[in-house]
Amino acid sequence: MPEPTVEQVLNIDKTQQPKQTPSALLTIIALFFLPPLGIFLAWREKSHHYIYAAYVGLLGLLTAGYGLFIYFFVYPKLLSVYQGLGQTVSQSNILFKVTLIILLSFVQLVGGYLSYRKATEIGHLNTTWLAFLTLLLAIVNFFIIPALIGSLIVSLILPLYQTTTVF
């Protein structure tokens, strides 16, 4: 009788090697530096769904912080400068944009929080919930909020530009 090989003794099947999965750190780094890759890595590895949900919530929190910073610090100072220069500023336009940024980031924050809770409870997100979260992130954070921020910056700077063209 032939002597058994090491693989037979250890009962190792070469066709069923453990699957290599990306580390959680790689997923986090990819989410911040290459979001499409990070979203793919988090989607592919079910155990990383909670990281993706936390990322969406964190982006919502950062965007809300930006909107609140504009509302409480930048806007009042620019308003006083413009009034001192005799320029009129469309206050309702600026306040509407800042409020919309804060509300959309709040929706994103709540979506991220609910997704995080769901992912930690059952270990992963179902496909429908993951698709909802991805659409929320893509539409709000990559399209609507950047357009609003750009429009807000133009609204804040335009009176200063009009002041300099008078001279």
N, C-alpha and C. Protein backbone atom coordinates (compact mmCIF):
# COMPACT_ATOMS: atom_id res chain seq x y z
N MET A 1 0.84 -1.17 0.00
CA MET A 1 0.00 0.00 0.00
C MET A 1 0.89 1.24 0.00
N PRO A 2 0.61 2.19 -0.95
CA PRO A 2 1.48 3.37 -1.01
C PRO A 2 1.26 4.28 0.21
N GLU A 3 2.31 4.97 0.52
CA GLU A 3 2.26 5.89 1.65
C GLU A 3 1.44 7.14 1.25
N PRO A 4 0.57 7.66 2.15
CA PRO A 4 -0.24 8.83 1.79
C PRO A 4 0.62 10.08 1.68
N THR A 5 0.16 10.99 0.80
CA THR A 5 0.87 12.26 0.63
C THR A 5 0.47 13.20 1.75
N VAL A 6 1.21 14.29 1.85
CA VAL A 6 0.92 15.30 2.88
C VAL A 6 -0.48 15.87 2.69
N GLU A 7 -0.88 16.12 1.43
CA GLU A 7 -2.20 16.68 1.16
C GLU A 7 -3.30 15.74 1.62
N GLN A 8 -3.07 14.43 1.42
CA GLN A 8 -4.08 13.46 1.83
C GLN A 8 -4.17 13.38 3.35
N VAL A 9 -3.02 13.45 4.00
CA VAL A 9 -3.01 13.40 5.46
C VAL A 9 -3.73 14.62 6.04
N LEU A 10 -3.45 15.79 5.50
CA LEU A 10 -4.07 17.02 6.00
C LEU A 10 -5.44 17.26 5.39
N ASN A 11 -5.85 16.39 4.46
CA ASN A 11 -7.15 16.47 3.80
C ASN A 11 -7.33 17.83 3.11
N ILE A 12 -6.31 18.20 2.35
CA ILE A 12 -6.34 19.48 1.63
C ILE A 12 -6.75 19.21 0.20
N ASP A 13 -7.77 19.93 -0.24
CA ASP A 13 -8.21 19.85 -1.63
C ASP A 13 -7.70 21.09 -2.34
N LYS A 14 -6.84 20.91 -3.33
CA LYS A 14 -6.24 22.05 -4.01
C LYS A 14 -7.25 22.88 -4.79
N THR A 15 -8.39 22.31 -5.12
CA THR A 15 -9.39 23.08 -5.87
C THR A 15 -10.20 24.00 -4.97
N GLN A 16 -10.16 23.79 -3.67
CA GLN A 16 -10.93 24.62 -2.77
C GLN A 16 -10.03 25.40 -1.84
N GLN A 17 -9.18 26.22 -2.40
CA GLN A 17 -8.33 27.10 -1.62
C GLN A 17 -9.18 28.24 -1.06
N PRO A 18 -8.81 28.79 0.07
CA PRO A 18 -9.59 29.90 0.62
C PRO A 18 -9.57 31.11 -0.31
N LYS A 19 -10.71 31.76 -0.40
CA LYS A 19 -10.85 32.91 -1.30
C LYS A 19 -10.11 34.11 -0.72
N GLN A 20 -9.34 34.77 -1.56
CA GLN A 20 -8.65 35.98 -1.13
C GLN A 20 -9.64 37.14 -1.15
N THR A 21 -9.80 37.81 -0.03
CA THR A 21 -10.71 38.95 0.04
C THR A 21 -9.91 40.19 0.36
N PRO A 22 -10.35 41.34 -0.17
CA PRO A 22 -9.65 42.57 0.16
C PRO A 22 -9.84 42.90 1.63
N SER A 23 -8.84 43.50 2.20
CA SER A 23 -8.96 43.85 3.61
C SER A 23 -9.91 45.03 3.77
N ALA A 24 -10.40 45.20 4.98
CA ALA A 24 -11.29 46.33 5.27
C ALA A 24 -10.54 47.65 5.07
N LEU A 25 -9.26 47.68 5.40
CA LEU A 25 -8.47 48.90 5.23
C LEU A 25 -8.37 49.28 3.76
N LEU A 26 -8.19 48.30 2.90
CA LEU A 26 -8.14 48.59 1.45
C LEU A 26 -9.47 49.17 0.97
N THR A 27 -10.57 48.63 1.47
CA THR A 27 -11.88 49.15 1.10
C THR A 27 -12.05 50.59 1.56
N ILE A 28 -11.62 50.89 2.78
CA ILE A 28 -11.73 52.25 3.32
C ILE A 28 -10.89 53.22 2.50
N ILE A 29 -9.66 52.85 2.22
CA ILE A 29 -8.77 53.72 1.43
C ILE A 29 -9.34 53.94 0.04
N ALA A 30 -9.84 52.88 -0.57
CA ALA A 30 -10.42 53.01 -1.92
C ALA A 30 -11.67 53.88 -1.90
N LEU A 31 -12.48 53.80 -0.85
CA LEU A 31 -13.68 54.64 -0.78
C LEU A 31 -13.33 56.12 -0.75
N PHE A 32 -12.24 56.48 -0.10
CA PHE A 32 -11.88 57.90 -0.02
C PHE A 32 -11.08 58.40 -1.21
N PHE A 33 -10.26 57.55 -1.81
CA PHE A 33 -9.41 58.02 -2.89
C PHE A 33 -9.90 57.62 -4.29
N LEU A 34 -10.56 56.49 -4.40
CA LEU A 34 -11.15 56.02 -5.66
C LEU A 34 -12.54 55.48 -5.36
N PRO A 35 -13.52 56.36 -5.15
CA PRO A 35 -14.85 55.90 -4.72
C PRO A 35 -15.47 54.79 -5.57
N PRO A 36 -15.39 54.81 -6.90
CA PRO A 36 -15.99 53.69 -7.63
C PRO A 36 -15.37 52.34 -7.28
N LEU A 37 -14.05 52.30 -7.12
CA LEU A 37 -13.38 51.07 -6.74
C LEU A 37 -13.79 50.67 -5.32
N GLY A 38 -13.85 51.63 -4.42
CA GLY A 38 -14.26 51.34 -3.05
C GLY A 38 -15.68 50.83 -2.96
N ILE A 39 -16.57 51.41 -3.76
CA ILE A 39 -17.96 50.94 -3.79
C ILE A 39 -18.01 49.51 -4.31
N PHE A 40 -17.23 49.22 -5.35
CA PHE A 40 -17.20 47.86 -5.89
C PHE A 40 -16.66 46.87 -4.86
N LEU A 41 -15.57 47.23 -4.18
CA LEU A 41 -14.99 46.32 -3.18
C LEU A 41 -15.96 46.08 -2.03
N ALA A 42 -16.64 47.14 -1.59
CA ALA A 42 -17.61 46.99 -0.50
C ALA A 42 -18.81 46.17 -0.95
N TRP A 43 -19.23 46.34 -2.19
CA TRP A 43 -20.37 45.58 -2.71
C TRP A 43 -20.02 44.10 -2.85
N ARG A 44 -18.81 43.82 -3.35
CA ARG A 44 -18.41 42.44 -3.60
C ARG A 44 -18.23 41.64 -2.31
N GLU A 45 -17.70 42.29 -1.30
CA GLU A 45 -17.43 41.59 -0.03
C GLU A 45 -18.53 41.95 0.97
N LYS A 46 -19.42 41.02 1.23
CA LYS A 46 -20.58 41.30 2.07
C LYS A 46 -20.20 41.74 3.48
N SER A 47 -19.08 41.27 3.96
CA SER A 47 -18.67 41.65 5.31
C SER A 47 -18.21 43.11 5.38
N HIS A 48 -18.06 43.78 4.23
CA HIS A 48 -17.66 45.19 4.21
C HIS A 48 -18.83 46.14 3.96
N HIS A 49 -20.04 45.63 3.93
CA HIS A 49 -21.19 46.50 3.68
C HIS A 49 -21.33 47.56 4.76
N TYR A 50 -20.99 47.23 5.99
CA TYR A 50 -21.10 48.21 7.06
C TYR A 50 -20.12 49.37 6.87
N ILE A 51 -18.97 49.10 6.26
CA ILE A 51 -18.00 50.16 5.98
C ILE A 51 -18.58 51.13 4.96
N TYR A 52 -19.21 50.59 3.95
CA TYR A 52 -19.82 51.42 2.93
C TYR A 52 -20.94 52.28 3.51
N ALA A 53 -21.76 51.70 4.37
CA ALA A 53 -22.84 52.45 5.01
C ALA A 53 -22.28 53.56 5.89
N ALA A 54 -21.21 53.26 6.62
CA ALA A 54 -20.58 54.28 7.45
C ALA A 54 -19.97 55.39 6.58
N TYR A 55 -19.43 55.03 5.44
CA TYR A 55 -18.86 56.01 4.51
C TYR A 55 -19.93 56.97 4.01
N VAL A 56 -21.09 56.44 3.64
CA VAL A 56 -22.18 57.30 3.17
C VAL A 56 -22.62 58.25 4.28
N GLY A 57 -22.75 57.74 5.49
CA GLY A 57 -23.11 58.58 6.62
C GLY A 57 -22.06 59.63 6.92
N LEU A 58 -20.78 59.26 6.83
CA LEU A 58 -19.69 60.21 7.08
C LEU A 58 -19.68 61.32 6.03
N LEU A 59 -19.91 60.97 4.78
CA LEU A 59 -19.97 62.01 3.75
C LEU A 59 -21.14 62.96 4.01
N GLY A 60 -22.26 62.42 4.47
CA GLY A 60 -23.40 63.26 4.83
C GLY A 60 -23.05 64.20 5.97
N LEU A 61 -22.34 63.68 6.96
CA LEU A 61 -21.93 64.50 8.11
C LEU A 61 -20.96 65.60 7.69
N LEU A 62 -19.99 65.26 6.85
CA LEU A 62 -19.04 66.27 6.37
C LEU A 62 -19.72 67.35 5.54
N THR A 63 -20.66 66.94 4.70
CA THR A 63 -21.37 67.91 3.87
C THR A 63 -22.25 68.82 4.73
N ALA A 64 -22.90 68.25 5.74
CA ALA A 64 -23.70 69.07 6.66
C ALA A 64 -22.80 70.05 7.40
N GLY A 65 -21.61 69.60 7.80
CA GLY A 65 -20.66 70.49 8.47
C GLY A 65 -20.24 71.64 7.56
N TYR A 66 -20.04 71.34 6.30
CA TYR A 66 -19.69 72.39 5.33
C TYR A 66 -20.82 73.40 5.20
N GLY A 67 -22.05 72.91 5.07
CA GLY A 67 -23.19 73.82 4.95
C GLY A 67 -23.38 74.66 6.20
N LEU A 68 -23.22 74.07 7.37
CA LEU A 68 -23.35 74.83 8.62
C LEU A 68 -22.23 75.84 8.77
N PHE A 69 -21.02 75.49 8.35
CA PHE A 69 -19.90 76.43 8.39
C PHE A 69 -20.19 77.64 7.50
N ILE A 70 -20.68 77.40 6.30
CA ILE A 70 -21.04 78.50 5.39
C ILE A 70 -22.12 79.37 6.04
N TYR A 71 -23.14 78.72 6.59
CA TYR A 71 -24.29 79.44 7.14
C TYR A 71 -23.91 80.29 8.36
N PHE A 72 -23.11 79.75 9.27
CA PHE A 72 -22.83 80.46 10.51
C PHE A 72 -21.58 81.34 10.48
N PHE A 73 -20.62 81.06 9.62
CA PHE A 73 -19.37 81.82 9.64
C PHE A 73 -19.12 82.64 8.38
N VAL A 74 -19.24 82.02 7.22
CA VAL A 74 -18.89 82.71 5.98
C VAL A 74 -19.97 83.70 5.57
N TYR A 75 -21.20 83.25 5.54
CA TYR A 75 -22.31 84.08 5.06
C TYR A 75 -22.47 85.37 5.86
N PRO A 76 -22.48 85.37 7.20
CA PRO A 76 -22.64 86.63 7.93
C PRO A 76 -21.50 87.63 7.68
N LYS A 77 -20.27 87.12 7.57
CA LYS A 77 -19.15 88.03 7.33
C LYS A 77 -19.22 88.64 5.93
N LEU A 78 -19.54 87.82 4.94
CA LEU A 78 -19.66 88.36 3.58
C LEU A 78 -20.84 89.32 3.48
N LEU A 79 -21.91 89.03 4.16
CA LEU A 79 -23.07 89.93 4.15
C LEU A 79 -22.70 91.29 4.72
N SER A 80 -21.96 91.32 5.82
CA SER A 80 -21.56 92.61 6.40
C SER A 80 -20.57 93.35 5.49
N VAL A 81 -19.69 92.61 4.82
CA VAL A 81 -18.75 93.25 3.88
C VAL A 81 -19.53 93.86 2.71
N TYR A 82 -20.48 93.11 2.17
CA TYR A 82 -21.25 93.60 1.03
C TYR A 82 -22.12 94.78 1.41
N GLN A 83 -22.69 94.77 2.61
CA GLN A 83 -23.49 95.92 3.05
C GLN A 83 -22.60 97.14 3.24
N GLY A 84 -21.38 96.94 3.72
CA GLY A 84 -20.43 98.05 3.87
C GLY A 84 -20.02 98.63 2.52
N LEU A 85 -20.00 97.80 1.49
CA LEU A 85 -19.66 98.27 0.14
C LEU A 85 -20.87 98.78 -0.62
N GLY A 86 -22.03 98.64 -0.03
CA GLY A 86 -23.24 99.12 -0.69
C GLY A 86 -23.78 98.18 -1.75
N GLN A 87 -23.41 96.92 -1.70
CA GLN A 87 -23.89 95.93 -2.67
C GLN A 87 -25.12 95.22 -2.13
N THR A 88 -26.03 94.89 -3.02
CA THR A 88 -27.20 94.11 -2.62
C THR A 88 -26.90 92.63 -2.86
N VAL A 89 -27.36 91.82 -1.94
CA VAL A 89 -27.13 90.38 -2.00
C VAL A 89 -28.47 89.68 -1.94
N SER A 90 -28.65 88.69 -2.79
CA SER A 90 -29.87 87.89 -2.77
C SER A 90 -29.80 86.91 -1.61
N GLN A 91 -30.28 87.37 -0.45
CA GLN A 91 -30.17 86.55 0.75
C GLN A 91 -31.03 85.28 0.66
N SER A 92 -32.21 85.40 0.09
CA SER A 92 -33.08 84.22 0.03
C SER A 92 -32.48 83.14 -0.88
N ASN A 93 -31.82 83.53 -1.95
CA ASN A 93 -31.17 82.58 -2.85
C ASN A 93 -30.06 81.82 -2.13
N ILE A 94 -29.23 82.54 -1.42
CA ILE A 94 -28.11 81.92 -0.71
C ILE A 94 -28.62 81.03 0.42
N LEU A 95 -29.58 81.51 1.19
CA LEU A 95 -30.11 80.72 2.30
C LEU A 95 -30.83 79.47 1.79
N PHE A 96 -31.51 79.57 0.66
CA PHE A 96 -32.17 78.39 0.08
C PHE A 96 -31.14 77.32 -0.28
N LYS A 97 -30.05 77.74 -0.91
CA LYS A 97 -29.02 76.78 -1.32
C LYS A 97 -28.34 76.13 -0.12
N VAL A 98 -28.04 76.92 0.90
CA VAL A 98 -27.40 76.37 2.10
C VAL A 98 -28.34 75.41 2.81
N THR A 99 -29.61 75.79 2.92
CA THR A 99 -30.60 74.93 3.56
C THR A 99 -30.78 73.62 2.79
N LEU A 100 -30.80 73.70 1.48
CA LEU A 100 -30.94 72.50 0.66
C LEU A 100 -29.73 71.57 0.82
N ILE A 101 -28.53 72.14 0.89
CA ILE A 101 -27.32 71.34 1.11
C ILE A 101 -27.42 70.62 2.46
N ILE A 102 -27.83 71.34 3.49
CA ILE A 102 -27.93 70.74 4.82
C ILE A 102 -29.01 69.66 4.85
N LEU A 103 -30.16 69.90 4.22
CA LEU A 103 -31.23 68.90 4.21
C LEU A 103 -30.82 67.64 3.44
N LEU A 104 -30.19 67.81 2.29
CA LEU A 104 -29.76 66.65 1.51
C LEU A 104 -28.68 65.85 2.24
N SER A 105 -27.78 66.56 2.91
CA SER A 105 -26.76 65.84 3.67
C SER A 105 -27.37 65.13 4.87
N PHE A 106 -28.44 65.70 5.43
CA PHE A 106 -29.14 65.03 6.52
C PHE A 106 -29.80 63.74 6.02
N VAL A 107 -30.40 63.79 4.84
CA VAL A 107 -30.98 62.58 4.24
C VAL A 107 -29.90 61.53 4.04
N GLN A 108 -28.76 61.95 3.57
CA GLN A 108 -27.65 61.03 3.34
C GLN A 108 -27.14 60.47 4.68
N LEU A 109 -27.06 61.30 5.69
CA LEU A 109 -26.62 60.86 7.01
C LEU A 109 -27.59 59.82 7.59
N VAL A 110 -28.88 60.08 7.47
CA VAL A 110 -29.88 59.13 7.97
C VAL A 110 -29.84 57.82 7.17
N GLY A 111 -29.69 57.92 5.85
CA GLY A 111 -29.58 56.72 5.02
C GLY A 111 -28.36 55.89 5.39
N GLY A 112 -27.24 56.55 5.64
CA GLY A 112 -26.03 55.85 6.05
C GLY A 112 -26.18 55.20 7.42
N TYR A 113 -26.83 55.91 8.35
CA TYR A 113 -27.03 55.37 9.69
C TYR A 113 -27.95 54.15 9.67
N LEU A 114 -29.07 54.27 8.96
CA LEU A 114 -30.00 53.12 8.87
C LEU A 114 -29.34 51.93 8.19
N SER A 115 -28.55 52.19 7.16
CA SER A 115 -27.85 51.12 6.47
C SER A 115 -26.80 50.48 7.37
N TYR A 116 -26.11 51.28 8.14
CA TYR A 116 -25.10 50.75 9.06
C TYR A 116 -25.75 49.84 10.09
N ARG A 117 -26.87 50.30 10.65
CA ARG A 117 -27.59 49.47 11.62
C ARG A 117 -28.03 48.15 11.01
N LYS A 118 -28.57 48.24 9.80
CA LYS A 118 -29.04 47.03 9.11
C LYS A 118 -27.88 46.09 8.79
N ALA A 119 -26.76 46.66 8.36
CA ALA A 119 -25.59 45.83 8.00
C ALA A 119 -24.98 45.17 9.23
N THR A 120 -24.97 45.85 10.36
CA THR A 120 -24.40 45.24 11.56
C THR A 120 -25.35 44.22 12.18
N GLU A 121 -26.65 44.39 11.99
CA GLU A 121 -27.61 43.43 12.55
C GLU A 121 -27.53 42.08 11.85
N ILE A 122 -27.57 42.10 10.51
CA ILE A 122 -27.62 40.82 9.78
C ILE A 122 -26.29 40.48 9.10
N GLY A 123 -25.31 41.34 9.22
CA GLY A 123 -23.99 41.05 8.67
C GLY A 123 -23.74 41.58 7.27
N HIS A 124 -24.80 41.95 6.56
CA HIS A 124 -24.64 42.50 5.21
C HIS A 124 -25.95 43.19 4.83
N LEU A 125 -25.94 43.86 3.70
CA LEU A 125 -27.14 44.52 3.17
C LEU A 125 -27.68 43.70 2.00
N ASN A 126 -29.00 43.68 1.86
CA ASN A 126 -29.54 42.99 0.69
C ASN A 126 -29.31 43.84 -0.55
N THR A 127 -29.48 43.26 -1.70
CA THR A 127 -29.16 43.92 -2.97
C THR A 127 -29.99 45.18 -3.18
N THR A 128 -31.26 45.15 -2.84
CA THR A 128 -32.13 46.32 -3.02
C THR A 128 -31.67 47.48 -2.16
N TRP A 129 -31.36 47.20 -0.91
CA TRP A 129 -30.93 48.25 0.00
C TRP A 129 -29.57 48.80 -0.44
N LEU A 130 -28.69 47.94 -0.89
CA LEU A 130 -27.38 48.37 -1.35
C LEU A 130 -27.50 49.24 -2.60
N ALA A 131 -28.42 48.88 -3.50
CA ALA A 131 -28.65 49.69 -4.70
C ALA A 131 -29.23 51.05 -4.32
N PHE A 132 -30.15 51.09 -3.35
CA PHE A 132 -30.70 52.35 -2.86
C PHE A 132 -29.60 53.24 -2.29
N LEU A 133 -28.74 52.65 -1.48
CA LEU A 133 -27.66 53.41 -0.87
C LEU A 133 -26.69 53.95 -1.91
N THR A 134 -26.39 53.15 -2.92
CA THR A 134 -25.50 53.60 -3.98
C THR A 134 -26.12 54.72 -4.80
N LEU A 135 -27.41 54.60 -5.11
CA LEU A 135 -28.09 55.67 -5.83
C LEU A 135 -28.15 56.94 -5.01
N LEU A 136 -28.41 56.81 -3.72
CA LEU A 136 -28.43 57.97 -2.84
C LEU A 136 -27.09 58.67 -2.84
N LEU A 137 -26.03 57.89 -2.71
CA LEU A 137 -24.68 58.46 -2.73
C LEU A 137 -24.37 59.11 -4.06
N ALA A 138 -24.66 58.40 -5.15
CA ALA A 138 -24.31 58.91 -6.47
C ALA A 138 -25.09 60.17 -6.81
N ILE A 139 -26.38 60.14 -6.59
CA ILE A 139 -27.21 61.29 -6.99
C ILE A 139 -26.96 62.48 -6.08
N VAL A 140 -27.00 62.25 -4.79
CA VAL A 140 -26.89 63.39 -3.86
C VAL A 140 -25.46 63.89 -3.77
N ASN A 141 -24.52 63.01 -3.49
CA ASN A 141 -23.17 63.47 -3.17
C ASN A 141 -22.30 63.74 -4.38
N PHE A 142 -22.57 63.11 -5.51
CA PHE A 142 -21.72 63.31 -6.66
C PHE A 142 -22.33 64.21 -7.73
N PHE A 143 -23.63 64.51 -7.64
CA PHE A 143 -24.26 65.36 -8.65
C PHE A 143 -24.93 66.60 -8.05
N ILE A 144 -25.89 66.41 -7.16
CA ILE A 144 -26.69 67.54 -6.67
C ILE A 144 -25.88 68.46 -5.76
N ILE A 145 -25.22 67.91 -4.75
CA ILE A 145 -24.50 68.76 -3.81
C ILE A 145 -23.34 69.51 -4.47
N PRO A 146 -22.53 68.89 -5.33
CA PRO A 146 -21.50 69.70 -6.01
C PRO A 146 -22.08 70.84 -6.85
N ALA A 147 -23.20 70.60 -7.51
CA ALA A 147 -23.84 71.67 -8.29
C ALA A 147 -24.33 72.77 -7.37
N LEU A 148 -24.91 72.39 -6.23
CA LEU A 148 -25.37 73.40 -5.28
C LEU A 148 -24.21 74.19 -4.68
N ILE A 149 -23.13 73.50 -4.36
CA ILE A 149 -21.97 74.19 -3.79
C ILE A 149 -21.37 75.15 -4.81
N GLY A 150 -21.25 74.73 -6.05
CA GLY A 150 -20.75 75.63 -7.09
C GLY A 150 -21.63 76.85 -7.27
N SER A 151 -22.94 76.62 -7.30
CA SER A 151 -23.89 77.73 -7.42
C SER A 151 -23.84 78.64 -6.20
N LEU A 152 -23.67 78.05 -5.02
CA LEU A 152 -23.57 78.83 -3.80
C LEU A 152 -22.33 79.71 -3.80
N ILE A 153 -21.21 79.16 -4.23
CA ILE A 153 -19.97 79.95 -4.29
C ILE A 153 -20.12 81.12 -5.26
N VAL A 154 -20.74 80.85 -6.41
CA VAL A 154 -20.98 81.94 -7.37
C VAL A 154 -21.88 83.00 -6.75
N SER A 155 -22.93 82.58 -6.04
CA SER A 155 -23.83 83.53 -5.40
C SER A 155 -23.13 84.35 -4.33
N LEU A 156 -22.19 83.74 -3.62
CA LEU A 156 -21.47 84.46 -2.57
C LEU A 156 -20.42 85.41 -3.15
N ILE A 157 -19.81 85.06 -4.26
CA ILE A 157 -18.71 85.84 -4.82
C ILE A 157 -19.19 86.90 -5.82
N LEU A 158 -20.33 86.69 -6.44
CA LEU A 158 -20.81 87.60 -7.48
C LEU A 158 -20.91 89.06 -7.04
N PRO A 159 -21.44 89.37 -5.86
CA PRO A 159 -21.46 90.78 -5.45
C PRO A 159 -20.06 91.39 -5.33
N LEU A 160 -19.07 90.60 -4.90
CA LEU A 160 -17.71 91.11 -4.82
C LEU A 160 -17.16 91.38 -6.22
N TYR A 161 -17.46 90.52 -7.17
CA TYR A 161 -17.05 90.72 -8.55
C TYR A 161 -17.69 91.98 -9.12
N GLN A 162 -18.96 92.18 -8.83
CA GLN A 162 -19.65 93.37 -9.32
C GLN A 162 -19.07 94.64 -8.71
N THR A 163 -18.60 94.57 -7.49
CA THR A 163 -17.97 95.72 -6.84
C THR A 163 -16.66 96.07 -7.52
N THR A 164 -15.87 95.07 -7.88
CA THR A 164 -14.56 95.35 -8.49
C THR A 164 -14.70 95.81 -9.93
N THR A 165 -15.79 95.49 -10.62
CA THR A 165 -15.92 95.94 -12.00
C THR A 165 -16.35 97.39 -12.07
N VAL A 166 -16.86 97.96 -10.97
CA VAL A 166 -17.28 99.36 -10.96
C VAL A 166 -16.06 100.27 -11.05
N PHE A 167 -14.96 99.91 -10.41
CA PHE A 167 -13.78 100.75 -10.41
C PHE A 167 -13.14 100.64 -11.72
